[in-house]
Amino acid sequence: MHPSVRAAWARNLEEYRENPAYFFHNVAEWIDKRRPKYFRYCVAGDAPDLTFFAYVVELAIRFPKTRFLMFTKRHAW
């Protein structure tokens, strides 16, 4: 993994942990602005907690024209 990618992912995780609502507010703004056809969460990892997953579901409902994808090994969810 490139050092710049590792640093960006670490920064994103830290920002999420500090303020999940603000983190997902920023994700929602990006989706609203760009209107992607597809959006994938956790490209090279897993959701850090169930709160993260709840926000993922909330944004999927909010943006029905975007197809969301997220893989997880947390099958109990």
Protein backbone atom coordinates (compact mmCIF):
# COMPACT_ATOMS: atom_id res chain seq x y z
CA MET A 1 0.00 0.00 0.00
CA HIS A 2 1.31 3.43 -0.88
CA PRO A 3 2.16 5.58 2.15
CA SER A 4 -0.13 8.39 0.96
CA VAL A 5 -3.07 5.97 0.68
CA ARG A 6 -2.40 4.49 4.11
CA ALA A 7 -2.25 8.00 5.60
CA ALA A 8 -5.51 9.05 3.92
CA TRP A 9 -7.33 5.95 5.16
CA ALA A 10 -5.98 6.44 8.69
CA ARG A 11 -7.09 10.09 8.61
CA ASN A 12 -10.57 9.13 7.40
CA LEU A 13 -10.95 6.56 10.17
CA GLU A 14 -9.81 9.06 12.79
CA GLU A 15 -12.24 11.69 11.48
CA TYR A 16 -15.06 9.14 11.59
CA ARG A 17 -14.23 8.11 15.16
CA GLU A 18 -14.06 11.73 16.34
CA ASN A 19 -17.45 12.70 14.89
CA PRO A 20 -19.44 10.09 12.91
CA ALA A 21 -22.31 12.49 12.12
CA TYR A 22 -19.97 15.09 10.63
CA PHE A 23 -18.03 12.44 8.71
CA PHE A 24 -21.21 11.15 7.07
CA HIS A 25 -22.46 14.69 6.51
CA ASN A 26 -19.37 15.18 4.35
CA VAL A 27 -19.96 11.88 2.54
CA ALA A 28 -23.57 12.92 1.87
CA GLU A 29 -22.45 16.30 0.51
CA TRP A 30 -20.03 14.57 -1.85
CA ILE A 31 -22.70 12.17 -3.09
CA ASP A 32 -25.24 14.97 -3.46
CA LYS A 33 -22.78 17.08 -5.46
CA ARG A 34 -21.44 14.34 -7.75
CA ARG A 35 -24.51 12.06 -7.99
CA PRO A 36 -22.48 8.92 -8.70
CA LYS A 37 -24.19 5.92 -10.21
CA TYR A 38 -22.16 3.66 -7.88
CA PHE A 39 -20.53 4.22 -4.49
CA ARG A 40 -18.43 1.69 -2.60
CA TYR A 41 -17.63 1.88 1.10
CA CYS A 42 -14.62 0.33 2.81
CA VAL A 43 -12.71 -0.46 -0.36
CA ALA A 44 -9.90 -2.24 1.46
CA GLY A 45 -11.27 -2.90 4.91
CA ASP A 46 -14.40 -3.34 6.96
CA ALA A 47 -16.87 -1.08 8.73
CA PRO A 48 -15.43 -0.07 12.10
CA ASP A 49 -18.69 -0.46 14.04
CA LEU A 50 -22.45 -0.82 13.80
CA THR A 51 -22.98 2.95 13.86
CA PHE A 52 -21.03 3.20 10.61
CA PHE A 53 -23.29 0.58 9.06
CA ALA A 54 -26.40 2.48 10.22
CA TYR A 55 -25.16 5.63 8.47
CA VAL A 56 -24.46 3.60 5.33
CA VAL A 57 -28.06 2.40 5.30
CA GLU A 58 -29.35 5.93 5.96
CA LEU A 59 -27.47 7.33 2.97
CA ALA A 60 -28.63 4.48 0.74
CA ILE A 61 -32.20 5.43 1.56
CA ARG A 62 -31.48 9.13 1.07
CA PHE A 63 -29.89 8.63 -2.36
CA PRO A 64 -31.95 5.94 -4.11
CA LYS A 65 -30.45 6.61 -7.56
CA THR A 66 -26.97 5.65 -6.36
CA ARG A 67 -26.16 1.96 -6.02
CA PHE A 68 -24.14 1.33 -2.86
CA LEU A 69 -21.76 -1.54 -2.19
CA MET A 70 -20.01 -2.59 1.00
CA PHE A 71 -18.45 -5.94 1.80
CA THR A 72 -18.16 -7.08 5.40
CA LYS A 73 -17.12 -10.10 7.40
CA ARG A 74 -19.40 -9.03 10.25
CA HIS A 75 -22.16 -11.45 9.30
CA ALA A 76 -24.13 -10.88 12.52
CA TRP A 77 -25.09 -7.45 11.18
